[in-house]
Amino acid sequence: MRQATARTLLVVVLLVAGCGAGSRDAARTATPPATAPPATAAPTPPGTAGSFNPTDIAWLQLTAAMAERLLPVLDLVPARTTDPAWRATAARVAATQRADLDRAHRLLAEAGAPTTNPHEGHDMPGMVTAEQLAALRGASGAPLHRLLAGHLRAHLTQSVRIAASEQQNGVQPATVALAAAVARNATANLARLNKLPPPPHPPPA
């Protein structure tokens, strides 16, 4: 009974990290150090289907849900801006998000977890809402860059935060390794985002 209670508390820790703070708070969180090593695809250690704990499952589901929300945003960029730096940044982040999403789905299948997204329809920290996506679809140039910078910063910062929870509390080797890769790649992408020239602010009305 005590062991089950402890596992439940670990899931609560992860979900509080994912759901308890607002997107604005996530965007204000200090950016992880820009001195992180270059983003690389870390090898995935073998795992066994029986070695997942509730924290592993909760983190995989949340990570998949966050990636599924961000990818439509990144897919807009080539058609909405001609800026090569923003196009390259969006393409790089999209590549890591698709790789993370694929690995999360494979691990959830290995764990025998439900294939449905338990966070469908939930607007949580780091996730772009339907209204925000509509605003992005109507923006281009500098206005798009401003919106994109805010959403990317919130998403990447939140990804580092919840990956830390999985690294501390998860037990499945491949899942913990994925969390380490997610944190490393998100930190590197935040550093690249910080190097982009800030878009000009609109003139006062």
N, C-alpha and C. Protein backbone atom coordinates (compact mmCIF):
# COMPACT_ATOMS: atom_id res chain seq x y z
N MET A 1 0.83 -1.20 0.00
CA MET A 1 0.00 0.00 0.00
C MET A 1 0.87 1.25 0.00
N ARG A 2 1.92 1.26 0.85
CA ARG A 2 2.78 2.42 0.90
C ARG A 2 3.50 2.63 -0.42
N GLN A 3 3.93 1.52 -1.07
CA GLN A 3 4.62 1.64 -2.34
C GLN A 3 3.70 2.22 -3.40
N ALA A 4 2.44 1.77 -3.43
CA ALA A 4 1.49 2.31 -4.40
C ALA A 4 1.24 3.78 -4.16
N THR A 5 1.14 4.17 -2.89
CA THR A 5 0.93 5.58 -2.56
C THR A 5 2.11 6.42 -3.02
N ALA A 6 3.32 5.91 -2.83
CA ALA A 6 4.52 6.64 -3.26
C ALA A 6 4.52 6.83 -4.76
N ARG A 7 4.14 5.79 -5.52
CA ARG A 7 4.11 5.92 -6.98
C ARG A 7 3.09 6.97 -7.39
N THR A 8 1.95 6.98 -6.72
CA THR A 8 0.92 7.97 -7.04
C THR A 8 1.43 9.38 -6.80
N LEU A 9 2.16 9.58 -5.72
CA LEU A 9 2.70 10.90 -5.42
C LEU A 9 3.69 11.34 -6.48
N LEU A 10 4.48 10.39 -7.03
CA LEU A 10 5.42 10.75 -8.07
C LEU A 10 4.70 11.24 -9.31
N VAL A 11 3.58 10.61 -9.66
CA VAL A 11 2.78 11.06 -10.80
C VAL A 11 2.24 12.45 -10.54
N VAL A 12 1.79 12.70 -9.31
CA VAL A 12 1.29 14.03 -8.96
C VAL A 12 2.39 15.07 -9.14
N VAL A 13 3.61 14.74 -8.73
CA VAL A 13 4.73 15.67 -8.90
C VAL A 13 4.90 16.02 -10.37
N LEU A 14 4.86 15.01 -11.24
CA LEU A 14 5.03 15.25 -12.66
C LEU A 14 3.89 16.08 -13.23
N LEU A 15 2.67 15.73 -12.86
CA LEU A 15 1.53 16.44 -13.43
C LEU A 15 1.43 17.86 -12.90
N VAL A 16 1.85 18.10 -11.67
CA VAL A 16 1.90 19.48 -11.17
C VAL A 16 2.90 20.28 -11.99
N ALA A 17 4.04 19.66 -12.32
CA ALA A 17 5.02 20.35 -13.16
C ALA A 17 4.45 20.63 -14.53
N GLY A 18 3.58 19.73 -15.02
CA GLY A 18 3.02 19.92 -16.36
C GLY A 18 1.79 20.77 -16.39
N CYS A 19 0.96 20.71 -15.36
CA CYS A 19 -0.35 21.34 -15.42
C CYS A 19 -0.55 22.47 -14.42
N GLY A 20 0.34 22.60 -13.45
CA GLY A 20 0.06 23.55 -12.37
C GLY A 20 0.44 24.97 -12.64
N ALA A 21 1.39 25.22 -13.57
CA ALA A 21 1.83 26.58 -13.83
C ALA A 21 1.28 27.04 -15.15
N GLY A 22 1.01 28.32 -15.27
CA GLY A 22 0.45 28.86 -16.51
C GLY A 22 1.51 29.02 -17.56
N SER A 23 1.07 29.17 -18.85
CA SER A 23 2.00 29.35 -19.95
C SER A 23 2.83 30.60 -19.76
N ARG A 24 2.22 31.66 -19.20
CA ARG A 24 2.97 32.88 -18.98
C ARG A 24 4.09 32.64 -17.99
N ASP A 25 3.81 31.84 -16.96
CA ASP A 25 4.84 31.52 -15.97
C ASP A 25 5.96 30.72 -16.62
N ALA A 26 5.58 29.78 -17.51
CA ALA A 26 6.59 28.98 -18.19
C ALA A 26 7.49 29.85 -19.04
N ALA A 27 6.90 30.85 -19.70
CA ALA A 27 7.70 31.72 -20.55
C ALA A 27 8.65 32.57 -19.73
N ARG A 28 8.28 32.87 -18.46
CA ARG A 28 9.14 33.71 -17.63
C ARG A 28 10.25 32.91 -16.97
N THR A 29 10.13 31.57 -16.96
CA THR A 29 11.11 30.75 -16.29
C THR A 29 12.48 30.98 -16.90
N ALA A 30 13.49 31.04 -16.06
CA ALA A 30 14.84 31.30 -16.55
C ALA A 30 15.22 30.26 -17.58
N THR A 31 15.78 30.71 -18.70
CA THR A 31 16.21 29.82 -19.75
C THR A 31 17.37 28.98 -19.26
N PRO A 32 17.36 27.66 -19.51
CA PRO A 32 18.48 26.83 -19.12
C PRO A 32 19.76 27.32 -19.77
N PRO A 33 20.93 27.02 -19.20
CA PRO A 33 22.19 27.54 -19.72
C PRO A 33 22.37 27.25 -21.20
N ALA A 34 22.90 28.25 -21.92
CA ALA A 34 23.09 28.11 -23.35
C ALA A 34 24.36 27.34 -23.68
N THR A 35 25.05 26.85 -22.66
CA THR A 35 26.29 26.13 -22.89
C THR A 35 26.08 24.64 -23.00
N ALA A 36 24.83 24.22 -23.15
CA ALA A 36 24.55 22.79 -23.25
C ALA A 36 25.19 22.23 -24.51
N PRO A 37 25.54 20.94 -24.55
CA PRO A 37 26.13 20.35 -25.75
C PRO A 37 25.15 20.35 -26.89
N PRO A 38 25.61 20.24 -28.14
CA PRO A 38 24.72 20.25 -29.29
C PRO A 38 23.68 19.14 -29.18
N ALA A 39 22.50 19.42 -29.75
CA ALA A 39 21.42 18.44 -29.70
C ALA A 39 21.81 17.21 -30.51
N THR A 40 21.65 16.07 -29.90
CA THR A 40 21.94 14.81 -30.58
C THR A 40 20.88 13.80 -30.21
N ALA A 41 20.73 12.82 -31.04
CA ALA A 41 19.78 11.75 -30.74
C ALA A 41 20.50 10.70 -29.92
N ALA A 42 20.19 10.67 -28.63
CA ALA A 42 20.86 9.73 -27.75
C ALA A 42 20.37 8.32 -28.03
N PRO A 43 21.26 7.31 -27.94
CA PRO A 43 20.80 5.93 -28.13
C PRO A 43 19.80 5.55 -27.06
N THR A 44 18.82 4.78 -27.46
CA THR A 44 17.77 4.37 -26.54
C THR A 44 18.13 3.05 -25.89
N PRO A 45 18.32 3.02 -24.55
CA PRO A 45 18.61 1.76 -23.89
C PRO A 45 17.42 0.82 -23.99
N PRO A 46 17.67 -0.46 -24.02
CA PRO A 46 16.54 -1.39 -24.07
C PRO A 46 15.74 -1.33 -22.79
N GLY A 47 14.44 -1.48 -22.89
CA GLY A 47 13.58 -1.51 -21.72
C GLY A 47 12.70 -2.73 -21.77
N THR A 48 12.00 -2.99 -20.73
CA THR A 48 11.06 -4.10 -20.72
C THR A 48 9.68 -3.56 -20.44
N ALA A 49 8.68 -4.21 -21.02
CA ALA A 49 7.32 -3.70 -20.92
C ALA A 49 6.86 -3.58 -19.48
N GLY A 50 7.37 -4.42 -18.59
CA GLY A 50 6.92 -4.40 -17.21
C GLY A 50 7.63 -3.40 -16.33
N SER A 51 8.58 -2.63 -16.87
CA SER A 51 9.39 -1.78 -16.02
C SER A 51 8.92 -0.33 -15.99
N PHE A 52 7.78 -0.01 -16.58
CA PHE A 52 7.26 1.36 -16.56
C PHE A 52 6.54 1.63 -15.25
N ASN A 53 6.80 2.78 -14.65
CA ASN A 53 5.98 3.16 -13.50
C ASN A 53 5.00 4.25 -13.93
N PRO A 54 4.06 4.66 -13.07
CA PRO A 54 3.07 5.66 -13.48
C PRO A 54 3.68 6.98 -13.93
N THR A 55 4.82 7.36 -13.35
CA THR A 55 5.47 8.60 -13.77
C THR A 55 5.95 8.49 -15.21
N ASP A 56 6.53 7.35 -15.59
CA ASP A 56 6.95 7.14 -16.98
C ASP A 56 5.78 7.32 -17.93
N ILE A 57 4.65 6.69 -17.62
CA ILE A 57 3.49 6.75 -18.51
C ILE A 57 2.96 8.18 -18.59
N ALA A 58 2.83 8.84 -17.44
CA ALA A 58 2.30 10.20 -17.43
C ALA A 58 3.20 11.14 -18.22
N TRP A 59 4.52 10.98 -18.07
CA TRP A 59 5.43 11.87 -18.80
C TRP A 59 5.39 11.60 -20.30
N LEU A 60 5.35 10.35 -20.70
CA LEU A 60 5.27 10.03 -22.13
C LEU A 60 4.00 10.60 -22.75
N GLN A 61 2.88 10.46 -22.05
CA GLN A 61 1.62 10.97 -22.58
C GLN A 61 1.64 12.49 -22.70
N LEU A 62 2.19 13.17 -21.70
CA LEU A 62 2.24 14.62 -21.74
C LEU A 62 3.21 15.11 -22.81
N THR A 63 4.35 14.45 -22.94
CA THR A 63 5.33 14.84 -23.96
C THR A 63 4.76 14.66 -25.35
N ALA A 64 4.05 13.56 -25.59
CA ALA A 64 3.42 13.34 -26.89
C ALA A 64 2.37 14.42 -27.17
N ALA A 65 1.56 14.73 -26.16
CA ALA A 65 0.51 15.75 -26.34
C ALA A 65 1.12 17.11 -26.66
N MET A 66 2.21 17.47 -25.99
CA MET A 66 2.85 18.75 -26.24
C MET A 66 3.42 18.82 -27.66
N ALA A 67 4.06 17.74 -28.11
CA ALA A 67 4.62 17.71 -29.46
C ALA A 67 3.51 17.82 -30.50
N GLU A 68 2.40 17.14 -30.26
CA GLU A 68 1.29 17.18 -31.21
C GLU A 68 0.69 18.58 -31.33
N ARG A 69 0.77 19.37 -30.27
CA ARG A 69 0.27 20.74 -30.31
C ARG A 69 1.25 21.67 -31.03
N LEU A 70 2.56 21.42 -30.88
CA LEU A 70 3.54 22.35 -31.43
C LEU A 70 3.78 22.13 -32.92
N LEU A 71 3.70 20.91 -33.40
CA LEU A 71 4.03 20.64 -34.79
C LEU A 71 3.19 21.43 -35.79
N PRO A 72 1.87 21.60 -35.61
CA PRO A 72 1.12 22.43 -36.56
C PRO A 72 1.62 23.87 -36.61
N VAL A 73 2.12 24.37 -35.48
CA VAL A 73 2.68 25.73 -35.44
C VAL A 73 3.94 25.79 -36.31
N LEU A 74 4.83 24.83 -36.12
CA LEU A 74 6.08 24.83 -36.86
C LEU A 74 5.85 24.60 -38.35
N ASP A 75 4.82 23.84 -38.68
CA ASP A 75 4.53 23.58 -40.09
C ASP A 75 4.03 24.83 -40.82
N LEU A 76 3.56 25.84 -40.08
CA LEU A 76 3.12 27.09 -40.69
C LEU A 76 4.27 27.96 -41.17
N VAL A 77 5.42 27.80 -40.56
CA VAL A 77 6.51 28.78 -40.73
C VAL A 77 6.97 28.95 -42.17
N PRO A 78 7.22 27.89 -42.95
CA PRO A 78 7.73 28.11 -44.31
C PRO A 78 6.82 28.98 -45.18
N ALA A 79 5.51 28.88 -44.96
CA ALA A 79 4.58 29.66 -45.78
C ALA A 79 4.31 31.06 -45.23
N ARG A 80 4.72 31.33 -43.98
CA ARG A 80 4.37 32.60 -43.35
C ARG A 80 5.55 33.55 -43.19
N THR A 81 6.77 33.09 -43.44
CA THR A 81 7.93 33.98 -43.33
C THR A 81 8.99 33.56 -44.34
N THR A 82 9.73 34.55 -44.83
CA THR A 82 10.86 34.27 -45.73
C THR A 82 12.19 34.36 -44.99
N ASP A 83 12.15 34.64 -43.69
CA ASP A 83 13.38 34.81 -42.92
C ASP A 83 14.10 33.46 -42.80
N PRO A 84 15.33 33.35 -43.33
CA PRO A 84 16.00 32.04 -43.31
C PRO A 84 16.33 31.54 -41.92
N ALA A 85 16.63 32.46 -40.98
CA ALA A 85 16.98 32.03 -39.62
C ALA A 85 15.76 31.42 -38.93
N TRP A 86 14.60 32.04 -39.08
CA TRP A 86 13.40 31.51 -38.47
C TRP A 86 12.98 30.20 -39.13
N ARG A 87 13.14 30.11 -40.44
CA ARG A 87 12.81 28.86 -41.13
C ARG A 87 13.71 27.72 -40.64
N ALA A 88 15.00 28.02 -40.51
CA ALA A 88 15.94 26.98 -40.07
C ALA A 88 15.65 26.56 -38.63
N THR A 89 15.34 27.54 -37.77
CA THR A 89 15.04 27.22 -36.37
C THR A 89 13.79 26.37 -36.27
N ALA A 90 12.74 26.75 -37.00
CA ALA A 90 11.50 25.98 -36.97
C ALA A 90 11.72 24.57 -37.49
N ALA A 91 12.51 24.44 -38.55
CA ALA A 91 12.77 23.11 -39.11
C ALA A 91 13.53 22.23 -38.13
N ARG A 92 14.49 22.82 -37.43
CA ARG A 92 15.28 22.04 -36.47
C ARG A 92 14.42 21.59 -35.30
N VAL A 93 13.62 22.51 -34.76
CA VAL A 93 12.75 22.14 -33.64
C VAL A 93 11.74 21.09 -34.08
N ALA A 94 11.18 21.25 -35.29
CA ALA A 94 10.20 20.29 -35.79
C ALA A 94 10.82 18.90 -35.91
N ALA A 95 12.06 18.83 -36.36
CA ALA A 95 12.71 17.52 -36.50
C ALA A 95 12.85 16.82 -35.16
N THR A 96 13.27 17.57 -34.13
CA THR A 96 13.42 16.95 -32.80
C THR A 96 12.05 16.59 -32.22
N GLN A 97 11.03 17.43 -32.47
CA GLN A 97 9.70 17.12 -31.95
C GLN A 97 9.14 15.85 -32.58
N ARG A 98 9.33 15.69 -33.89
CA ARG A 98 8.83 14.48 -34.55
C ARG A 98 9.56 13.24 -34.05
N ALA A 99 10.88 13.37 -33.83
CA ALA A 99 11.64 12.22 -33.31
C ALA A 99 11.18 11.88 -31.90
N ASP A 100 10.97 12.90 -31.06
CA ASP A 100 10.51 12.66 -29.68
C ASP A 100 9.12 12.04 -29.69
N LEU A 101 8.24 12.53 -30.57
CA LEU A 101 6.88 12.01 -30.63
C LEU A 101 6.88 10.54 -31.05
N ASP A 102 7.72 10.20 -32.03
CA ASP A 102 7.79 8.81 -32.49
C ASP A 102 8.28 7.91 -31.37
N ARG A 103 9.32 8.34 -30.65
CA ARG A 103 9.86 7.52 -29.56
C ARG A 103 8.85 7.41 -28.42
N ALA A 104 8.14 8.49 -28.12
CA ALA A 104 7.13 8.44 -27.05
C ALA A 104 6.02 7.46 -27.42
N HIS A 105 5.56 7.50 -28.67
CA HIS A 105 4.51 6.58 -29.10
C HIS A 105 4.97 5.13 -29.02
N ARG A 106 6.22 4.88 -29.42
CA ARG A 106 6.73 3.50 -29.38
C ARG A 106 6.84 3.00 -27.94
N LEU A 107 7.28 3.87 -27.05
CA LEU A 107 7.39 3.46 -25.65
C LEU A 107 6.02 3.25 -25.01
N LEU A 108 5.06 4.10 -25.36
CA LEU A 108 3.70 3.89 -24.84
C LEU A 108 3.14 2.56 -25.34
N ALA A 109 3.41 2.22 -26.61
CA ALA A 109 2.95 0.94 -27.14
C ALA A 109 3.63 -0.21 -26.41
N GLU A 110 4.92 -0.06 -26.12
CA GLU A 110 5.65 -1.10 -25.39
C GLU A 110 5.08 -1.28 -23.99
N ALA A 111 4.65 -0.15 -23.39
CA ALA A 111 4.09 -0.22 -22.04
C ALA A 111 2.67 -0.74 -22.02
N GLY A 112 2.05 -0.84 -23.20
CA GLY A 112 0.65 -1.25 -23.26
C GLY A 112 -0.29 -0.17 -22.79
N ALA A 113 0.16 1.10 -22.87
CA ALA A 113 -0.68 2.23 -22.44
C ALA A 113 -1.72 2.53 -23.51
N PRO A 114 -2.83 3.16 -23.14
CA PRO A 114 -3.85 3.52 -24.13
C PRO A 114 -3.27 4.40 -25.23
N THR A 115 -3.73 4.19 -26.46
CA THR A 115 -3.24 4.98 -27.58
C THR A 115 -3.92 6.34 -27.66
N THR A 116 -5.05 6.51 -26.98
CA THR A 116 -5.74 7.80 -27.00
C THR A 116 -4.97 8.82 -26.16
N ASN A 117 -5.09 10.09 -26.53
CA ASN A 117 -4.40 11.18 -25.84
C ASN A 117 -5.24 11.64 -24.65
N PRO A 118 -4.80 11.40 -23.41
CA PRO A 118 -5.60 11.80 -22.26
C PRO A 118 -5.64 13.32 -22.06
N HIS A 119 -4.76 14.04 -22.77
CA HIS A 119 -4.72 15.50 -22.64
C HIS A 119 -5.44 16.21 -23.79
N GLU A 120 -6.15 15.44 -24.63
CA GLU A 120 -6.87 16.04 -25.74
C GLU A 120 -7.87 17.07 -25.24
N GLY A 121 -7.79 18.28 -25.80
CA GLY A 121 -8.70 19.35 -25.41
C GLY A 121 -8.26 20.12 -24.19
N HIS A 122 -7.17 19.72 -23.54
CA HIS A 122 -6.68 20.43 -22.36
C HIS A 122 -5.62 21.45 -22.78
N ASP A 123 -5.80 22.69 -22.40
CA ASP A 123 -4.81 23.72 -22.68
C ASP A 123 -3.90 23.85 -21.47
N MET A 124 -2.71 23.24 -21.58
CA MET A 124 -1.79 23.19 -20.45
C MET A 124 -0.54 23.98 -20.77
N PRO A 125 0.29 24.25 -19.80
CA PRO A 125 1.53 25.01 -20.04
C PRO A 125 2.35 24.41 -21.17
N GLY A 126 2.87 25.29 -22.02
CA GLY A 126 3.68 24.85 -23.15
C GLY A 126 2.90 24.43 -24.37
N MET A 127 1.57 24.41 -24.27
CA MET A 127 0.72 24.01 -25.39
C MET A 127 0.09 25.23 -26.05
N VAL A 128 0.11 25.26 -27.37
CA VAL A 128 -0.53 26.34 -28.12
C VAL A 128 -2.02 26.04 -28.20
N THR A 129 -2.85 27.01 -27.85
CA THR A 129 -4.30 26.82 -27.89
C THR A 129 -4.81 26.99 -29.31
N ALA A 130 -6.06 26.59 -29.52
CA ALA A 130 -6.68 26.74 -30.84
C ALA A 130 -6.74 28.20 -31.24
N GLU A 131 -7.04 29.08 -30.29
CA GLU A 131 -7.10 30.51 -30.59
C GLU A 131 -5.72 31.05 -30.97
N GLN A 132 -4.69 30.60 -30.27
CA GLN A 132 -3.34 31.05 -30.59
C GLN A 132 -2.89 30.54 -31.96
N LEU A 133 -3.26 29.31 -32.29
CA LEU A 133 -2.93 28.77 -33.60
C LEU A 133 -3.62 29.58 -34.70
N ALA A 134 -4.87 29.97 -34.45
CA ALA A 134 -5.58 30.79 -35.44
C ALA A 134 -4.88 32.13 -35.63
N ALA A 135 -4.39 32.72 -34.54
CA ALA A 135 -3.66 34.00 -34.64
C ALA A 135 -2.38 33.82 -35.43
N LEU A 136 -1.69 32.72 -35.23
CA LEU A 136 -0.46 32.45 -35.98
C LEU A 136 -0.75 32.28 -37.47
N ARG A 137 -1.86 31.65 -37.79
CA ARG A 137 -2.22 31.45 -39.20
C ARG A 137 -2.51 32.77 -39.91
N GLY A 138 -2.89 33.78 -39.13
CA GLY A 138 -3.18 35.08 -39.72
C GLY A 138 -2.01 36.05 -39.67
N ALA A 139 -0.87 35.60 -39.15
CA ALA A 139 0.29 36.49 -39.00
C ALA A 139 1.38 36.12 -39.99
N SER A 140 2.25 37.07 -40.26
CA SER A 140 3.41 36.84 -41.12
C SER A 140 4.50 37.83 -40.73
N GLY A 141 5.72 37.56 -41.18
CA GLY A 141 6.81 38.48 -40.92
C GLY A 141 7.07 38.68 -39.43
N ALA A 142 7.37 39.94 -39.05
CA ALA A 142 7.73 40.25 -37.67
C ALA A 142 6.64 39.88 -36.67
N PRO A 143 5.34 40.13 -36.94
CA PRO A 143 4.31 39.70 -35.98
C PRO A 143 4.33 38.19 -35.75
N LEU A 144 4.54 37.42 -36.81
CA LEU A 144 4.64 35.98 -36.65
C LEU A 144 5.84 35.62 -35.79
N HIS A 145 6.97 36.28 -36.02
CA HIS A 145 8.18 35.98 -35.26
C HIS A 145 7.97 36.23 -33.77
N ARG A 146 7.27 37.32 -33.44
CA ARG A 146 7.01 37.62 -32.02
C ARG A 146 6.16 36.53 -31.38
N LEU A 147 5.08 36.15 -32.06
CA LEU A 147 4.21 35.10 -31.52
C LEU A 147 4.96 33.78 -31.42
N LEU A 148 5.68 33.44 -32.47
CA LEU A 148 6.40 32.18 -32.51
C LEU A 148 7.44 32.10 -31.40
N ALA A 149 8.16 33.20 -31.18
CA ALA A 149 9.19 33.21 -30.12
C ALA A 149 8.57 32.92 -28.76
N GLY A 150 7.43 33.55 -28.47
CA GLY A 150 6.78 33.32 -27.18
C GLY A 150 6.32 31.89 -27.01
N HIS A 151 5.70 31.33 -28.05
CA HIS A 151 5.18 29.96 -27.94
C HIS A 151 6.33 28.94 -27.86
N LEU A 152 7.38 29.15 -28.65
CA LEU A 152 8.51 28.22 -28.60
C LEU A 152 9.19 28.27 -27.23
N ARG A 153 9.37 29.48 -26.71
CA ARG A 153 10.04 29.61 -25.41
C ARG A 153 9.22 28.91 -24.32
N ALA A 154 7.90 29.10 -24.33
CA ALA A 154 7.05 28.45 -23.33
C ALA A 154 7.11 26.94 -23.45
N HIS A 155 7.03 26.45 -24.68
CA HIS A 155 7.04 25.00 -24.90
C HIS A 155 8.37 24.38 -24.47
N LEU A 156 9.47 24.97 -24.94
CA LEU A 156 10.79 24.39 -24.65
C LEU A 156 11.12 24.46 -23.17
N THR A 157 10.78 25.58 -22.53
CA THR A 157 11.04 25.71 -21.09
C THR A 157 10.24 24.68 -20.30
N GLN A 158 8.97 24.50 -20.67
CA GLN A 158 8.14 23.51 -19.98
C GLN A 158 8.64 22.10 -20.24
N SER A 159 9.15 21.85 -21.45
CA SER A 159 9.69 20.52 -21.76
C SER A 159 10.87 20.18 -20.86
N VAL A 160 11.74 21.16 -20.63
CA VAL A 160 12.88 20.93 -19.72
C VAL A 160 12.37 20.65 -18.32
N ARG A 161 11.36 21.38 -17.88
CA ARG A 161 10.84 21.23 -16.52
C ARG A 161 10.26 19.84 -16.28
N ILE A 162 9.41 19.39 -17.19
CA ILE A 162 8.77 18.09 -16.95
C ILE A 162 9.73 16.94 -17.23
N ALA A 163 10.71 17.15 -18.13
CA ALA A 163 11.72 16.11 -18.35
C ALA A 163 12.54 15.89 -17.08
N ALA A 164 12.79 16.96 -16.34
CA ALA A 164 13.53 16.82 -15.08
C ALA A 164 12.74 15.96 -14.09
N SER A 165 11.42 16.11 -14.07
CA SER A 165 10.59 15.28 -13.19
C SER A 165 10.70 13.81 -13.57
N GLU A 166 10.68 13.53 -14.88
CA GLU A 166 10.81 12.14 -15.32
C GLU A 166 12.19 11.59 -14.98
N GLN A 167 13.23 12.38 -15.18
CA GLN A 167 14.58 11.90 -14.87
C GLN A 167 14.74 11.59 -13.38
N GLN A 168 14.06 12.36 -12.53
CA GLN A 168 14.16 12.14 -11.09
C GLN A 168 13.30 10.99 -10.61
N ASN A 169 12.13 10.80 -11.24
CA ASN A 169 11.14 9.88 -10.69
C ASN A 169 10.81 8.68 -11.57
N GLY A 170 11.20 8.71 -12.84
CA GLY A 170 10.92 7.59 -13.73
C GLY A 170 11.86 6.43 -13.45
N VAL A 171 11.48 5.23 -13.93
CA VAL A 171 12.30 4.04 -13.70
C VAL A 171 12.62 3.29 -14.99
N GLN A 172 11.84 3.49 -16.05
CA GLN A 172 12.05 2.73 -17.28
C GLN A 172 13.25 3.31 -18.03
N PRO A 173 14.29 2.53 -18.28
CA PRO A 173 15.54 3.10 -18.81
C PRO A 173 15.38 3.89 -20.09
N ALA A 174 14.63 3.36 -21.07
CA ALA A 174 14.49 4.06 -22.34
C ALA A 174 13.71 5.36 -22.17
N THR A 175 12.75 5.37 -21.27
CA THR A 175 11.95 6.57 -21.04
C THR A 175 12.77 7.64 -20.35
N VAL A 176 13.56 7.25 -19.35
CA VAL A 176 14.43 8.22 -18.67
C VAL A 176 15.47 8.76 -19.65
N ALA A 177 15.99 7.90 -20.54
CA ALA A 177 16.95 8.35 -21.55
C ALA A 177 16.30 9.33 -22.51
N LEU A 178 15.05 9.07 -22.89
CA LEU A 178 14.34 10.00 -23.76
C LEU A 178 14.15 11.34 -23.07
N ALA A 179 13.83 11.32 -21.79
CA ALA A 179 13.67 12.57 -21.05
C ALA A 179 14.97 13.37 -21.05
N ALA A 180 16.09 12.68 -20.89
CA ALA A 180 17.39 13.37 -20.93
C ALA A 180 17.63 13.99 -22.30
N ALA A 181 17.28 13.27 -23.37
CA ALA A 181 17.44 13.79 -24.72
C ALA A 181 16.52 14.98 -24.97
N VAL A 182 15.28 14.88 -24.48
CA VAL A 182 14.32 15.99 -24.64
C VAL A 182 14.86 17.24 -23.95
N ALA A 183 15.34 17.09 -22.73
CA ALA A 183 15.87 18.24 -21.99
C ALA A 183 17.10 18.82 -22.70
N ARG A 184 17.97 17.96 -23.17
CA ARG A 184 19.18 18.44 -23.85
C ARG A 184 18.83 19.18 -25.14
N ASN A 185 17.94 18.60 -25.95
CA ASN A 185 17.56 19.24 -27.21
C ASN A 185 16.80 20.54 -26.97
N ALA A 186 15.91 20.54 -25.99
CA ALA A 186 15.14 21.76 -25.70
C ALA A 186 16.06 22.88 -25.23
N THR A 187 17.05 22.54 -24.41
CA THR A 187 18.00 23.54 -23.94
C THR A 187 18.81 24.11 -25.10
N ALA A 188 19.25 23.24 -26.00
CA ALA A 188 20.01 23.69 -27.17
C ALA A 188 19.14 24.57 -28.08
N ASN A 189 17.88 24.20 -28.26
CA ASN A 189 17.00 24.99 -29.11
C ASN A 189 16.64 26.33 -28.47
N LEU A 190 16.54 26.36 -27.14
CA LEU A 190 16.35 27.65 -26.47
C LEU A 190 17.55 28.56 -26.70
N ALA A 191 18.75 28.00 -26.67
CA ALA A 191 19.95 28.80 -26.91
C ALA A 191 19.93 29.35 -28.34
N ARG A 192 19.51 28.54 -29.30
CA ARG A 192 19.42 29.04 -30.68
C ARG A 192 18.36 30.12 -30.79
N LEU A 193 17.25 29.94 -30.11
CA LEU A 193 16.19 30.94 -30.15
C LEU A 193 16.69 32.26 -29.59
N ASN A 194 17.49 32.21 -28.55
CA ASN A 194 18.02 33.42 -27.93
C ASN A 194 18.98 34.18 -28.85
N LYS A 195 19.57 33.47 -29.81
CA LYS A 195 20.51 34.10 -30.72
C LYS A 195 19.83 34.78 -31.91
N LEU A 196 18.56 34.49 -32.12
CA LEU A 196 17.85 35.13 -33.23
C LEU A 196 17.64 36.60 -32.92
N PRO A 197 17.75 37.47 -33.92
CA PRO A 197 17.50 38.89 -33.65
C PRO A 197 16.04 39.10 -33.24
N PRO A 198 15.79 39.87 -32.18
CA PRO A 198 14.41 40.07 -31.75
C PRO A 198 13.63 40.83 -32.82
N PRO A 199 12.40 40.41 -33.10
CA PRO A 199 11.60 41.14 -34.08
C PRO A 199 11.25 42.54 -33.59
N PRO A 200 11.17 43.51 -34.49
CA PRO A 200 10.82 44.87 -34.05
C PRO A 200 9.41 44.93 -33.50
N HIS A 201 9.24 45.75 -32.47
CA HIS A 201 7.90 45.92 -31.91
C HIS A 201 7.09 46.85 -32.81
N PRO A 202 5.80 46.62 -32.88
CA PRO A 202 4.97 47.49 -33.71
C PRO A 202 4.97 48.92 -33.19
N PRO A 203 4.85 49.90 -34.07
CA PRO A 203 4.80 51.28 -33.60
C PRO A 203 3.57 51.53 -32.75
N PRO A 204 3.64 52.43 -31.79
CA PRO A 204 2.48 52.70 -30.94
C PRO A 204 1.32 53.24 -31.76
N ALA A 205 0.13 52.88 -31.36
CA ALA A 205 -1.07 53.31 -32.10
C ALA A 205 -1.29 54.80 -31.95
